[in-house]
PDB file of N, CA and C in Angstrom:
ATOM      1  N   MET A   1       0.881   3.107   0.230  1.00  0.00           N
ATOM      2  CA  MET A   1       2.296   2.839   0.225  1.00  0.00           C
ATOM      3  C   MET A   1       3.014   4.096  -0.240  1.00  0.00           C
ATOM      4  N   GLY A   2       4.017   4.490   0.522  1.00  0.00           N
ATOM      5  CA  GLY A   2       4.812   5.652   0.137  1.00  0.00           C
ATOM      6  C   GLY A   2       5.700   5.331  -1.054  1.00  0.00           C
ATOM      7  N   ASN A   3       5.772   6.250  -1.998  1.00  0.00           N
ATOM      8  CA  ASN A   3       6.583   6.003  -3.193  1.00  0.00           C
ATOM      9  C   ASN A   3       8.086   6.044  -2.910  1.00  0.00           C
ATOM     10  N   GLN A   4       8.458   6.404  -1.687  1.00  0.00           N
ATOM     11  CA  GLN A   4       9.864   6.423  -1.302  1.00  0.00           C
ATOM     12  C   GLN A   4      10.131   5.504  -0.105  1.00  0.00           C
ATOM     13  N   ASP A   5       9.269   4.515   0.095  1.00  0.00           N
ATOM     14  CA  ASP A   5       9.412   3.592   1.225  1.00  0.00           C
ATOM     15  C   ASP A   5      10.672   2.756   1.049  1.00  0.00           C
ATOM     16  N   GLN A   6      11.611   2.943   1.963  1.00  0.00           N
ATOM     17  CA  GLN A   6      12.902   2.257   1.865  1.00  0.00           C
ATOM     18  C   GLN A   6      12.811   0.757   2.159  1.00  0.00           C
ATOM     19  N   PHE A   7      11.675   0.288   2.682  1.00  0.00           N
ATOM     20  CA  PHE A   7      11.533  -1.131   3.015  1.00  0.00           C
ATOM     21  C   PHE A   7      10.872  -1.946   1.902  1.00  0.00           C
ATOM     22  N   ILE A   8      10.342  -1.284   0.887  1.00  0.00           N
ATOM     23  CA  ILE A   8       9.626  -1.981  -0.177  1.00  0.00           C
ATOM     24  C   ILE A   8      10.497  -2.086  -1.429  1.00  0.00           C
ATOM     25  N   THR A   9      10.975  -3.290  -1.676  1.00  0.00           N
ATOM     26  CA  THR A   9      11.715  -3.565  -2.906  1.00  0.00           C
ATOM     27  C   THR A   9      10.702  -4.002  -3.966  1.00  0.00           C
ATOM     28  N   LYS A  10      11.139  -4.094  -5.186  1.00  0.00           N
ATOM     29  CA  LYS A  10      10.261  -4.545  -6.267  1.00  0.00           C
ATOM     30  C   LYS A  10       9.721  -5.954  -5.968  1.00  0.00           C
ATOM     31  N   ALA A  11      10.595  -6.838  -5.497  1.00  0.00           N
ATOM     32  CA  ALA A  11      10.183  -8.212  -5.181  1.00  0.00           C
ATOM     33  C   ALA A  11       9.197  -8.236  -4.017  1.00  0.00           C
ATOM     34  N   ARG A  12       9.453  -7.428  -2.991  1.00  0.00           N
ATOM     35  CA  ARG A  12       8.553  -7.406  -1.842  1.00  0.00           C
ATOM     36  C   ARG A  12       7.198  -6.840  -2.225  1.00  0.00           C
ATOM     37  N   LEU A  13       7.182  -5.826  -3.083  1.00  0.00           N
ATOM     38  CA  LEU A  13       5.925  -5.246  -3.535  1.00  0.00           C
ATOM     39  C   LEU A  13       5.085  -6.296  -4.258  1.00  0.00           C
ATOM     40  N   GLU A  14       5.693  -7.056  -5.129  1.00  0.00           N
ATOM     41  CA  GLU A  14       4.968  -8.113  -5.843  1.00  0.00           C
ATOM     42  C   GLU A  14       4.414  -9.145  -4.869  1.00  0.00           C
ATOM     43  N   ASN A  15       5.219  -9.527  -3.885  1.00  0.00           N
ATOM     44  CA  ASN A  15       4.787 -10.500  -2.877  1.00  0.00           C
ATOM     45  C   ASN A  15       3.611  -9.957  -2.076  1.00  0.00           C
ATOM     46  N   GLU A  16       3.690  -8.709  -1.666  1.00  0.00           N
ATOM     47  CA  GLU A  16       2.612  -8.095  -0.886  1.00  0.00           C
ATOM     48  C   GLU A  16       1.340  -7.960  -1.718  1.00  0.00           C
ATOM     49  N   LYS A  17       1.465  -7.649  -2.993  1.00  0.00           N
ATOM     50  CA  LYS A  17       0.290  -7.562  -3.875  1.00  0.00           C
ATOM     51  C   LYS A  17      -0.391  -8.923  -3.986  1.00  0.00           C
ATOM     52  N   GLU A  18       0.403  -9.980  -4.111  1.00  0.00           N
ATOM     53  CA  GLU A  18      -0.157 -11.334  -4.184  1.00  0.00           C
ATOM     54  C   GLU A  18      -0.906 -11.684  -2.908  1.00  0.00           C
ATOM     55  N   LYS A  19      -0.318 -11.361  -1.755  1.00  0.00           N
ATOM     56  CA  LYS A  19      -0.984 -11.623  -0.479  1.00  0.00           C
ATOM     57  C   LYS A  19      -2.282 -10.826  -0.364  1.00  0.00           C
ATOM     58  N   MET A  20      -2.242  -9.568  -0.766  1.00  0.00           N
ATOM     59  CA  MET A  20      -3.416  -8.715  -0.700  1.00  0.00           C
ATOM     60  C   MET A  20      -4.537  -9.274  -1.578  1.00  0.00           C
ATOM     61  N   ASP A  21      -4.197  -9.667  -2.788  1.00  0.00           N
ATOM     62  CA  ASP A  21      -5.201 -10.234  -3.690  1.00  0.00           C
ATOM     63  C   ASP A  21      -5.787 -11.520  -3.138  1.00  0.00           C
ATOM     64  N   SER A  22      -4.937 -12.346  -2.539  1.00  0.00           N
ATOM     65  CA  SER A  22      -5.389 -13.610  -1.972  1.00  0.00           C
ATOM     66  C   SER A  22      -6.314 -13.383  -0.772  1.00  0.00           C
ATOM     67  N   LEU A  23      -5.916 -12.488   0.117  1.00  0.00           N
ATOM     68  CA  LEU A  23      -6.697 -12.238   1.332  1.00  0.00           C
ATOM     69  C   LEU A  23      -8.028 -11.549   1.051  1.00  0.00           C
ATOM     70  N   PHE A  24      -8.049 -10.664   0.070  1.00  0.00           N
ATOM     71  CA  PHE A  24      -9.244  -9.856  -0.178  1.00  0.00           C
ATOM     72  C   PHE A  24      -9.909 -10.153  -1.512  1.00  0.00           C
ATOM     73  N   ASN A  25      -9.561 -11.308  -2.096  1.00  0.00           N
ATOM     74  CA  ASN A  25     -10.186 -11.766  -3.341  1.00  0.00           C
ATOM     75  C   ASN A  25     -10.146 -10.713  -4.446  1.00  0.00           C
ATOM     76  N   GLY A  26      -9.038  -9.996  -4.549  1.00  0.00           N
ATOM     77  CA  GLY A  26      -8.875  -9.006  -5.608  1.00  0.00           C
ATOM     78  C   GLY A  26      -9.666  -7.727  -5.410  1.00  0.00           C
ATOM     79  N   LYS A  27     -10.276  -7.545  -4.232  1.00  0.00           N
ATOM     80  CA  LYS A  27     -11.125  -6.374  -3.998  1.00  0.00           C
ATOM     81  C   LYS A  27     -10.392  -5.240  -3.283  1.00  0.00           C
ATOM     82  N   ALA A  28      -9.166  -5.463  -2.850  1.00  0.00           N
ATOM     83  CA  ALA A  28      -8.394  -4.415  -2.169  1.00  0.00           C
ATOM     84  C   ALA A  28      -7.656  -3.570  -3.200  1.00  0.00           C
ATOM     85  N   GLU A  29      -7.400  -2.338  -2.828  1.00  0.00           N
ATOM     86  CA  GLU A  29      -6.706  -1.416  -3.724  1.00  0.00           C
ATOM     87  C   GLU A  29      -5.433  -0.923  -3.041  1.00  0.00           C
ATOM     88  N   LEU A  30      -4.335  -0.971  -3.757  1.00  0.00           N
ATOM     89  CA  LEU A  30      -3.077  -0.437  -3.257  1.00  0.00           C
ATOM     90  C   LEU A  30      -3.097   1.069  -3.481  1.00  0.00           C
ATOM     91  N   ILE A  31      -2.977   1.813  -2.401  1.00  0.00           N
ATOM     92  CA  ILE A  31      -3.008   3.269  -2.479  1.00  0.00           C
ATOM     93  C   ILE A  31      -1.587   3.789  -2.317  1.00  0.00           C
ATOM     94  N   LYS A  32      -1.122   4.524  -3.304  1.00  0.00           N
ATOM     95  CA  LYS A  32       0.231   5.076  -3.270  1.00  0.00           C
ATOM     96  C   LYS A  32       0.164   6.560  -2.938  1.00  0.00           C
ATOM     97  N   PHE A  33       1.182   7.041  -2.222  1.00  0.00           N
ATOM     98  CA  PHE A  33       1.249   8.453  -1.872  1.00  0.00           C
ATOM     99  C   PHE A  33       2.701   8.906  -1.853  1.00  0.00           C
ATOM    100  N   GLU A  34       2.900  10.221  -1.883  1.00  0.00           N
ATOM    101  CA  GLU A  34       4.232  10.795  -1.798  1.00  0.00           C
ATOM    102  C   GLU A  34       4.740  10.605  -0.374  1.00  0.00           C
ATOM    103  N   GLY A  35       5.891   9.986  -0.217  1.00  0.00           N
ATOM    104  CA  GLY A  35       6.460   9.825   1.115  1.00  0.00           C
ATOM    105  C   GLY A  35       7.158   8.501   1.276  1.00  0.00           C
ATOM    106  N   GLY A  36       7.571   8.246   2.493  1.00  0.00           N
ATOM    107  CA  GLY A  36       8.338   7.046   2.804  1.00  0.00           C
ATOM    108  C   GLY A  36       7.525   6.032   3.582  1.00  0.00           C
ATOM    109  N   HIS A  37       8.177   5.412   4.571  1.00  0.00           N
ATOM    110  CA  HIS A  37       7.565   4.372   5.388  1.00  0.00           C
ATOM    111  C   HIS A  37       6.829   5.057   6.541  1.00  0.00           C
ATOM    112  N   GLU A  38       5.591   5.456   6.261  1.00  0.00           N
ATOM    113  CA  GLU A  38       4.814   6.219   7.229  1.00  0.00           C
ATOM    114  C   GLU A  38       3.336   6.016   6.964  1.00  0.00           C
ATOM    115  N   ILE A  39       2.519   6.464   7.879  1.00  0.00           N
ATOM    116  CA  ILE A  39       1.076   6.453   7.674  1.00  0.00           C
ATOM    117  C   ILE A  39       0.694   7.841   7.205  1.00  0.00           C
ATOM    118  N   ASN A  40       0.068   7.924   6.043  1.00  0.00           N
ATOM    119  CA  ASN A  40      -0.291   9.192   5.442  1.00  0.00           C
ATOM    120  C   ASN A  40      -1.667   9.621   5.938  1.00  0.00           C
ATOM    121  N   LYS A  41      -1.741  10.787   6.571  1.00  0.00           N
ATOM    122  CA  LYS A  41      -2.989  11.291   7.157  1.00  0.00           C
ATOM    123  C   LYS A  41      -4.097  11.424   6.120  1.00  0.00           C
ATOM    124  N   GLU A  42      -3.779  11.949   4.934  1.00  0.00           N
ATOM    125  CA  GLU A  42      -4.794  12.122   3.896  1.00  0.00           C
ATOM    126  C   GLU A  42      -5.394  10.789   3.456  1.00  0.00           C
ATOM    127  N   VAL A  43      -4.554   9.766   3.337  1.00  0.00           N
ATOM    128  CA  VAL A  43      -5.044   8.440   2.940  1.00  0.00           C
ATOM    129  C   VAL A  43      -6.000   7.905   4.003  1.00  0.00           C
ATOM    130  N   LEU A  44      -5.631   8.034   5.265  1.00  0.00           N
ATOM    131  CA  LEU A  44      -6.513   7.558   6.343  1.00  0.00           C
ATOM    132  C   LEU A  44      -7.859   8.280   6.347  1.00  0.00           C
ATOM    133  N   ILE A  45      -7.819   9.573   6.166  1.00  0.00           N
ATOM    134  CA  ILE A  45      -9.062  10.343   6.137  1.00  0.00           C
ATOM    135  C   ILE A  45      -9.944   9.898   4.967  1.00  0.00           C
ATOM    136  N   ASN A  46      -9.358   9.665   3.814  1.00  0.00           N
ATOM    137  CA  ASN A  46     -10.127   9.222   2.643  1.00  0.00           C
ATOM    138  C   ASN A  46     -10.688   7.823   2.815  1.00  0.00           C
ATOM    139  N   LEU A  47     -10.035   6.993   3.606  1.00  0.00           N
ATOM    140  CA  LEU A  47     -10.541   5.634   3.829  1.00  0.00           C
ATOM    141  C   LEU A  47     -11.837   5.627   4.635  1.00  0.00           C
ATOM    142  N   ILE A  48     -12.013   6.607   5.502  1.00  0.00           N
ATOM    143  CA  ILE A  48     -13.217   6.614   6.337  1.00  0.00           C
ATOM    144  C   ILE A  48     -14.386   7.357   5.695  1.00  0.00           C
ATOM    145  N   LYS A  49     -14.157   7.966   4.555  1.00  0.00           N
ATOM    146  CA  LYS A  49     -15.246   8.694   3.868  1.00  0.00           C
ATOM    147  C   LYS A  49     -16.142   7.745   3.114  1.00  0.00           C
TER     148      LYS A  49
END
C-alpha cells in the first residue's frame, strides 16, 4: 500500500485489514511503500523471491 494512496482513508484501511485477516487467517502481511495508488515494482519483485 502506498503511503500517499488517495483512496485509502483510515476507516477503509481498518476495513481492508479486517478482510485480509479474515481471508488469510492472519497470515498475510500489509506491505507499505513510498507512493500513491500504484503497483510498486520493488514490492512485486520481492514477493516472488
